């Protein structure tokens, strides 16, 4: 039974060390990831969103023109 307990303790220690190492690495990398999001992703999303809005606006304008030209006359 002592051998089993020792193996469980060793496995638990390895898991704890792995989790601690992962947590330490995350703590170091999260600020860099946030900086990347703020510096690269957010501006790109804004730029593409603005472009998409302009395209949608132009298409809606074209559709409004089409609707005006193809409206049946009122009686």
PDB file of N, CA and C in Angstrom:
ATOM      1  N   UNK A   1       0.821  -1.196   0.000  1.00  0.00           N
ATOM      2  CA  UNK A   1       0.000   0.000   0.000  1.00  0.00           C
ATOM      3  C   UNK A   1       0.865   1.260   0.000  1.00  0.00           C
ATOM      4  N   UNK A   2       2.026   1.222   0.657  1.00  0.00           N
ATOM      5  CA  UNK A   2       2.923   2.383   0.676  1.00  0.00           C
ATOM      6  C   UNK A   2       3.423   2.717  -0.711  1.00  0.00           C
ATOM      7  N   UNK A   3       3.666   1.698  -1.518  1.00  0.00           N
ATOM      8  CA  UNK A   3       4.131   1.909  -2.888  1.00  0.00           C
ATOM      9  C   UNK A   3       3.064   2.644  -3.700  1.00  0.00           C
ATOM     10  N   UNK A   4       1.809   2.238  -3.507  1.00  0.00           N
ATOM     11  CA  UNK A   4       0.703   2.894  -4.212  1.00  0.00           C
ATOM     12  C   UNK A   4       0.594   4.360  -3.796  1.00  0.00           C
ATOM     13  N   UNK A   5       0.659   4.622  -2.501  1.00  0.00           N
ATOM     14  CA  UNK A   5       0.577   6.000  -2.006  1.00  0.00           C
ATOM     15  C   UNK A   5       1.722   6.858  -2.555  1.00  0.00           C
ATOM     16  N   UNK A   6       2.904   6.272  -2.611  1.00  0.00           N
ATOM     17  CA  UNK A   6       4.062   7.001  -3.141  1.00  0.00           C
ATOM     18  C   UNK A   6       3.850   7.355  -4.612  1.00  0.00           C
ATOM     19  N   UNK A   7       3.323   6.401  -5.386  1.00  0.00           N
ATOM     20  CA  UNK A   7       3.079   6.651  -6.807  1.00  0.00           C
ATOM     21  C   UNK A   7       2.012   7.729  -7.001  1.00  0.00           C
ATOM     22  N   UNK A   8       0.979   7.690  -6.185  1.00  0.00           N
ATOM     23  CA  UNK A   8      -0.073   8.703  -6.268  1.00  0.00           C
ATOM     24  C   UNK A   8       0.491  10.083  -5.927  1.00  0.00           C
ATOM     25  N   UNK A   9       1.312  10.143  -4.888  1.00  0.00           N
ATOM     26  CA  UNK A   9       1.926  11.421  -4.501  1.00  0.00           C
ATOM     27  C   UNK A   9       2.848  11.951  -5.593  1.00  0.00           C
ATOM     28  N   UNK A  10       3.616  11.057  -6.219  1.00  0.00           N
ATOM     29  CA  UNK A  10       4.505  11.470  -7.307  1.00  0.00           C
ATOM     30  C   UNK A  10       3.698  11.986  -8.495  1.00  0.00           C
ATOM     31  N   UNK A  11       2.636  11.280  -8.825  1.00  0.00           N
ATOM     32  CA  UNK A  11       1.792  11.710  -9.944  1.00  0.00           C
ATOM     33  C   UNK A  11       1.143  13.051  -9.620  1.00  0.00           C
ATOM     34  N   UNK A  12       0.683  13.199  -8.403  1.00  0.00           N
ATOM     35  CA  UNK A  12       0.072  14.464  -7.977  1.00  0.00           C
ATOM     36  C   UNK A  12       1.082  15.600  -8.041  1.00  0.00           C
ATOM     37  N   UNK A  13       2.311  15.344  -7.635  1.00  0.00           N
ATOM     38  CA  UNK A  13       3.361  16.364  -7.678  1.00  0.00           C
ATOM     39  C   UNK A  13       3.671  16.759  -9.119  1.00  0.00           C
ATOM     40  N   UNK A  14       3.709  15.779 -10.024  1.00  0.00           N
ATOM     41  CA  UNK A  14       3.972  16.085 -11.440  1.00  0.00           C
ATOM     42  C   UNK A  14       2.851  16.933 -12.029  1.00  0.00           C
ATOM     43  N   UNK A  15       1.614  16.578 -11.713  1.00  0.00           N
ATOM     44  CA  UNK A  15       0.467  17.339 -12.215  1.00  0.00           C
ATOM     45  C   UNK A  15       0.502  18.762 -11.654  1.00  0.00           C
ATOM     46  N   UNK A  16       0.780  18.884 -10.370  1.00  0.00           N
ATOM     47  CA  UNK A  16       0.854  20.215  -9.752  1.00  0.00           C
ATOM     48  C   UNK A  16       1.936  21.065 -10.399  1.00  0.00           C
ATOM     49  N   UNK A  17       3.097  20.466 -10.674  1.00  0.00           N
ATOM     50  CA  UNK A  17       4.184  21.212 -11.306  1.00  0.00           C
ATOM     51  C   UNK A  17       3.794  21.630 -12.721  1.00  0.00           C
ATOM     52  N   UNK A  18       3.155  20.737 -13.460  1.00  0.00           N
ATOM     53  CA  UNK A  18       2.723  21.049 -14.820  1.00  0.00           C
ATOM     54  C   UNK A  18       1.720  22.200 -14.822  1.00  0.00           C
ATOM     55  N   UNK A  19       0.763  22.147 -13.901  1.00  0.00           N
ATOM     56  CA  UNK A  19      -0.243  23.210 -13.809  1.00  0.00           C
ATOM     57  C   UNK A  19       0.413  24.519 -13.399  1.00  0.00           C
ATOM     58  N   UNK A  20       1.330  24.472 -12.445  1.00  0.00           N
ATOM     59  CA  UNK A  20       2.025  25.690 -11.998  1.00  0.00           C
ATOM     60  C   UNK A  20       2.844  26.288 -13.135  1.00  0.00           C
ATOM     61  N   UNK A  21       3.524  25.444 -13.900  1.00  0.00           N
ATOM     62  CA  UNK A  21       4.311  25.935 -15.044  1.00  0.00           C
ATOM     63  C   UNK A  21       3.413  26.580 -16.092  1.00  0.00           C
ATOM     64  N   UNK A  22       2.282  25.949 -16.365  1.00  0.00           N
ATOM     65  CA  UNK A  22       1.344  26.499 -17.348  1.00  0.00           C
ATOM     66  C   UNK A  22       0.789  27.831 -16.869  1.00  0.00           C
ATOM     67  N   UNK A  23       0.445  27.924 -15.608  1.00  0.00           N
ATOM     68  CA  UNK A  23      -0.093  29.170 -15.051  1.00  0.00           C
ATOM     69  C   UNK A  23       0.950  30.283 -15.127  1.00  0.00           C
ATOM     70  N   UNK A  24       2.183  29.957 -14.827  1.00  0.00           N
ATOM     71  CA  UNK A  24       3.265  30.952 -14.902  1.00  0.00           C
ATOM     72  C   UNK A  24       3.458  31.441 -16.333  1.00  0.00           C
ATOM     73  N   UNK A  25       3.415  30.528 -17.265  1.00  0.00           N
ATOM     74  CA  UNK A  25       3.578  30.908 -18.671  1.00  0.00           C
ATOM     75  C   UNK A  25       2.419  31.788 -19.136  1.00  0.00           C
ATOM     76  N   UNK A  26       1.201  31.432 -18.731  1.00  0.00           N
ATOM     77  CA  UNK A  26       0.043  32.248 -19.090  1.00  0.00           C
ATOM     78  C   UNK A  26       0.158  33.658 -18.517  1.00  0.00           C
ATOM     79  N   UNK A  27       0.586  33.763 -17.279  1.00  0.00           N
ATOM     80  CA  UNK A  27       0.737  35.080 -16.668  1.00  0.00           C
ATOM     81  C   UNK A  27       1.723  35.951 -17.451  1.00  0.00           C
ATOM     82  N   UNK A  28       2.744  35.332 -18.010  1.00  0.00           N
ATOM     83  CA  UNK A  28       3.726  36.089 -18.797  1.00  0.00           C
ATOM     84  C   UNK A  28       3.190  36.456 -20.180  1.00  0.00           C
ATOM     85  N   UNK A  29       2.408  35.562 -20.786  1.00  0.00           N
ATOM     86  CA  UNK A  29       1.981  35.767 -22.164  1.00  0.00           C
ATOM     87  C   UNK A  29       0.685  36.553 -22.308  1.00  0.00           C
ATOM     88  N   UNK A  30      -0.148  36.594 -21.297  1.00  0.00           N
ATOM     89  CA  UNK A  30      -1.430  37.301 -21.406  1.00  0.00           C
ATOM     90  C   UNK A  30      -1.243  38.784 -21.719  1.00  0.00           C
ATOM     91  N   UNK A  31      -0.352  39.508 -21.032  1.00  0.00           N
ATOM     92  CA  UNK A  31      -0.187  40.934 -21.390  1.00  0.00           C
ATOM     93  C   UNK A  31       0.245  41.133 -22.848  1.00  0.00           C
ATOM     94  N   UNK A  32       1.103  40.247 -23.349  1.00  0.00           N
ATOM     95  CA  UNK A  32       1.543  40.340 -24.747  1.00  0.00           C
ATOM     96  C   UNK A  32       0.374  40.063 -25.694  1.00  0.00           C
ATOM     97  N   UNK A  33      -0.469  39.119 -25.335  1.00  0.00           N
ATOM     98  CA  UNK A  33      -1.642  38.792 -26.143  1.00  0.00           C
ATOM     99  C   UNK A  33      -2.621  39.968 -26.166  1.00  0.00           C
ATOM    100  N   UNK A  34      -2.854  40.589 -25.025  1.00  0.00           N
ATOM    101  CA  UNK A  34      -3.752  41.741 -24.956  1.00  0.00           C
ATOM    102  C   UNK A  34      -3.200  42.892 -25.794  1.00  0.00           C
ATOM    103  N   UNK A  35      -1.886  43.109 -25.716  1.00  0.00           N
ATOM    104  CA  UNK A  35      -1.258  44.159 -26.528  1.00  0.00           C
ATOM    105  C   UNK A  35      -1.442  43.863 -28.017  1.00  0.00           C
ATOM    106  N   UNK A  36      -1.276  42.616 -28.417  1.00  0.00           N
ATOM    107  CA  UNK A  36      -1.478  42.229 -29.813  1.00  0.00           C
ATOM    108  C   UNK A  36      -2.922  42.510 -30.244  1.00  0.00           C
ATOM    109  N   UNK A  37      -3.879  42.134 -29.397  1.00  0.00           N
ATOM    110  CA  UNK A  37      -5.282  42.403 -29.727  1.00  0.00           C
ATOM    111  C   UNK A  37      -5.526  43.892 -29.920  1.00  0.00           C
ATOM    112  N   UNK A  38      -5.030  44.688 -28.983  1.00  0.00           N
ATOM    113  CA  UNK A  38      -5.264  46.134 -29.047  1.00  0.00           C
ATOM    114  C   UNK A  38      -4.536  46.799 -30.214  1.00  0.00           C
ATOM    115  N   UNK A  39      -3.327  46.338 -30.508  1.00  0.00           N
ATOM    116  CA  UNK A  39      -2.507  46.992 -31.536  1.00  0.00           C
ATOM    117  C   UNK A  39      -2.785  46.494 -32.948  1.00  0.00           C
ATOM    118  N   UNK A  40      -3.191  45.241 -33.082  1.00  0.00           N
ATOM    119  CA  UNK A  40      -3.338  44.663 -34.417  1.00  0.00           C
ATOM    120  C   UNK A  40      -4.789  44.298 -34.765  1.00  0.00           C
ATOM    121  N   UNK A  41      -5.447  43.577 -33.896  1.00  0.00           N
ATOM    122  CA  UNK A  41      -6.766  43.030 -34.218  1.00  0.00           C
ATOM    123  C   UNK A  41      -7.833  44.126 -34.212  1.00  0.00           C
ATOM    124  N   UNK A  42      -7.885  44.916 -33.154  1.00  0.00           N
ATOM    125  CA  UNK A  42      -8.936  45.930 -33.049  1.00  0.00           C
ATOM    126  C   UNK A  42      -8.879  46.921 -34.222  1.00  0.00           C
ATOM    127  N   UNK A  43      -7.715  47.484 -34.565  1.00  0.00           N
ATOM    128  CA  UNK A  43      -7.697  48.392 -35.721  1.00  0.00           C
ATOM    129  C   UNK A  43      -8.111  47.719 -37.032  1.00  0.00           C
ATOM    130  N   UNK A  44      -7.725  46.472 -37.219  1.00  0.00           N
ATOM    131  CA  UNK A  44      -8.098  45.769 -38.447  1.00  0.00           C
ATOM    132  C   UNK A  44      -9.608  45.560 -38.505  1.00  0.00           C
ATOM    133  N   UNK A  45     -10.196  45.184 -37.383  1.00  0.00           N
ATOM    134  CA  UNK A  45     -11.648  44.984 -37.343  1.00  0.00           C
ATOM    135  C   UNK A  45     -12.367  46.292 -37.632  1.00  0.00           C
ATOM    136  N   UNK A  46     -11.883  47.368 -37.029  1.00  0.00           N
ATOM    137  CA  UNK A  46     -12.514  48.672 -37.279  1.00  0.00           C
ATOM    138  C   UNK A  46     -12.411  49.061 -38.743  1.00  0.00           C
ATOM    139  N   UNK A  47     -11.248  48.859 -39.337  1.00  0.00           N
ATOM    140  CA  UNK A  47     -11.058  49.222 -40.739  1.00  0.00           C
ATOM    141  C   UNK A  47     -11.990  48.409 -41.634  1.00  0.00           C
ATOM    142  N   UNK A  48     -12.049  47.104 -41.396  1.00  0.00           N
ATOM    143  CA  UNK A  48     -12.901  46.260 -42.238  1.00  0.00           C
ATOM    144  C   UNK A  48     -14.377  46.547 -41.987  1.00  0.00           C
ATOM    145  N   UNK A  49     -14.734  46.870 -40.757  1.00  0.00           N
ATOM    146  CA  UNK A  49     -16.127  47.199 -40.457  1.00  0.00           C
ATOM    147  C   UNK A  49     -16.547  48.471 -41.177  1.00  0.00           C
ATOM    148  N   UNK A  50     -15.671  49.469 -41.170  1.00  0.00           N
ATOM    149  CA  UNK A  50     -15.965  50.722 -41.860  1.00  0.00           C
ATOM    150  C   UNK A  50     -16.152  50.473 -43.352  1.00  0.00           C
ATOM    151  N   UNK A  51     -15.264  49.680 -43.918  1.00  0.00           N
ATOM    152  CA  UNK A  51     -15.373  49.361 -45.344  1.00  0.00           C
ATOM    153  C   UNK A  51     -16.683  48.631 -45.632  1.00  0.00           C
ATOM    154  N   UNK A  52     -17.038  47.672 -44.774  1.00  0.00           N
ATOM    155  CA  UNK A  52     -18.279  46.926 -44.968  1.00  0.00           C
ATOM    156  C   UNK A  52     -19.492  47.842 -44.877  1.00  0.00           C
ATOM    157  N   UNK A  53     -19.470  48.778 -43.941  1.00  0.00           N
ATOM    158  CA  UNK A  53     -20.585  49.728 -43.819  1.00  0.00           C
ATOM    159  C   UNK A  53     -20.707  50.599 -45.058  1.00  0.00           C
ATOM    160  N   UNK A  54     -19.576  51.035 -45.609  1.00  0.00           N
ATOM    161  CA  UNK A  54     -19.624  51.852 -46.822  1.00  0.00           C
ATOM    162  C   UNK A  54     -20.188  51.060 -48.005  1.00  0.00           C
ATOM    163  N   UNK A  55     -19.788  49.806 -48.116  1.00  0.00           N
ATOM    164  CA  UNK A  55     -20.308  48.960 -49.197  1.00  0.00           C
ATOM    165  C   UNK A  55     -21.805  48.737 -49.009  1.00  0.00           C
ATOM    166  N   UNK A  56     -22.213  48.443 -47.779  1.00  0.00           N
ATOM    167  CA  UNK A  56     -23.642  48.235 -47.512  1.00  0.00           C
ATOM    168  C   UNK A  56     -24.438  49.494 -47.817  1.00  0.00           C
ATOM    169  N   UNK A  57     -23.882  50.642 -47.467  1.00  0.00           N
ATOM    170  CA  UNK A  57     -24.556  51.912 -47.734  1.00  0.00           C
ATOM    171  C   UNK A  57     -24.740  52.120 -49.239  1.00  0.00           C
ATOM    172  N   UNK A  58     -23.711  51.844 -50.005  1.00  0.00           N
ATOM    173  CA  UNK A  58     -23.795  51.992 -51.462  1.00  0.00           C
ATOM    174  C   UNK A  58     -24.839  51.034 -52.044  1.00  0.00           C
ATOM    175  N   UNK A  59     -24.851  49.788 -51.554  1.00  0.00           N
ATOM    176  CA  UNK A  59     -25.822  48.809 -52.056  1.00  0.00           C
ATOM    177  C   UNK A  59     -27.250  49.226 -51.694  1.00  0.00           C
ATOM    178  N   UNK A  60     -27.449  49.752 -50.480  1.00  0.00           N
ATOM    179  CA  UNK A  60     -28.778  50.224 -50.094  1.00  0.00           C
ATOM    180  C   UNK A  60     -29.212  51.405 -50.953  1.00  0.00           C
ATOM    181  N   UNK A  61     -28.268  52.266 -51.286  1.00  0.00           N
ATOM    182  CA  UNK A  61     -28.561  53.402 -52.161  1.00  0.00           C
ATOM    183  C   UNK A  61     -28.978  52.907 -53.543  1.00  0.00           C
ATOM    184  N   UNK A  62     -28.252  51.938 -54.069  1.00  0.00           N
ATOM    185  CA  UNK A  62     -28.610  51.353 -55.366  1.00  0.00           C
ATOM    186  C   UNK A  62     -29.992  50.698 -55.301  1.00  0.00           C
ATOM    187  N   UNK A  63     -30.272  50.003 -54.216  1.00  0.00           N
ATOM    188  CA  UNK A  63     -31.563  49.352 -54.067  1.00  0.00           C
ATOM    189  C   UNK A  63     -32.696  50.384 -53.994  1.00  0.00           C
ATOM    190  N   UNK A  64     -32.456  51.487 -53.280  1.00  0.00           N
ATOM    191  CA  UNK A  64     -33.474  52.543 -53.209  1.00  0.00           C
ATOM    192  C   UNK A  64     -33.734  53.124 -54.594  1.00  0.00           C
ATOM    193  N   UNK A  65     -32.676  53.340 -55.382  1.00  0.00           N
ATOM    194  CA  UNK A  65     -32.847  53.825 -56.755  1.00  0.00           C
ATOM    195  C   UNK A  65     -33.658  52.827 -57.576  1.00  0.00           C
ATOM    196  N   UNK A  66     -33.356  51.552 -57.446  1.00  0.00           N
ATOM    197  CA  UNK A  66     -34.073  50.506 -58.163  1.00  0.00           C
ATOM    198  C   UNK A  66     -35.554  50.527 -57.785  1.00  0.00           C
ATOM    199  N   UNK A  67     -35.825  50.634 -56.481  1.00  0.00           N
ATOM    200  CA  UNK A  67     -37.214  50.645 -56.009  1.00  0.00           C
ATOM    201  C   UNK A  67     -37.975  51.839 -56.606  1.00  0.00           C
ATOM    202  N   UNK A  68     -37.325  52.996 -56.662  1.00  0.00           N
ATOM    203  CA  UNK A  68     -37.976  54.187 -57.230  1.00  0.00           C
ATOM    204  C   UNK A  68     -38.267  53.998 -58.712  1.00  0.00           C
ATOM    205  N   UNK A  69     -37.352  53.374 -59.430  1.00  0.00           N
ATOM    206  CA  UNK A  69     -37.516  53.205 -60.874  1.00  0.00           C
ATOM    207  C   UNK A  69     -38.536  52.111 -61.212  1.00  0.00           C
ATOM    208  N   UNK A  70     -38.738  51.166 -60.338  1.00  0.00           N
ATOM    209  CA  UNK A  70     -39.610  50.032 -60.643  1.00  0.00           C
ATOM    210  C   UNK A  70     -40.887  50.019 -59.796  1.00  0.00           C
ATOM    211  N   UNK A  71     -41.258  51.157 -59.302  1.00  0.00           N
ATOM    212  CA  UNK A  71     -42.504  51.224 -58.552  1.00  0.00           C
ATOM    213  C   UNK A  71     -43.651  51.410 -59.539  1.00  0.00           C
ATOM    214  N   UNK A  72     -44.671  50.572 -59.434  1.00  0.00           N
ATOM    215  CA  UNK A  72     -45.808  50.733 -60.367  1.00  0.00           C
ATOM    216  C   UNK A  72     -46.528  52.048 -60.090  1.00  0.00           C
ATOM    217  N   UNK A  73     -47.048  52.646 -61.146  1.00  0.00           N
ATOM    218  CA  UNK A  73     -47.744  53.928 -60.961  1.00  0.00           C
ATOM    219  C   UNK A  73     -49.010  53.719 -60.109  1.00  0.00           C
ATOM    220  N   UNK A  74     -49.332  54.739 -59.320  1.00  0.00           N
ATOM    221  CA  UNK A  74     -50.539  54.675 -58.492  1.00  0.00           C
ATOM    222  C   UNK A  74     -51.746  55.027 -59.313  1.00  0.00           C
ATOM    223  N   UNK A  75     -52.855  54.438 -58.985  1.00  0.00           N
ATOM    224  CA  UNK A  75     -54.085  54.676 -59.744  1.00  0.00           C
ATOM    225  C   UNK A  75     -54.881  55.810 -59.147  1.00  0.00           C
TER     226      UNK A  75
END
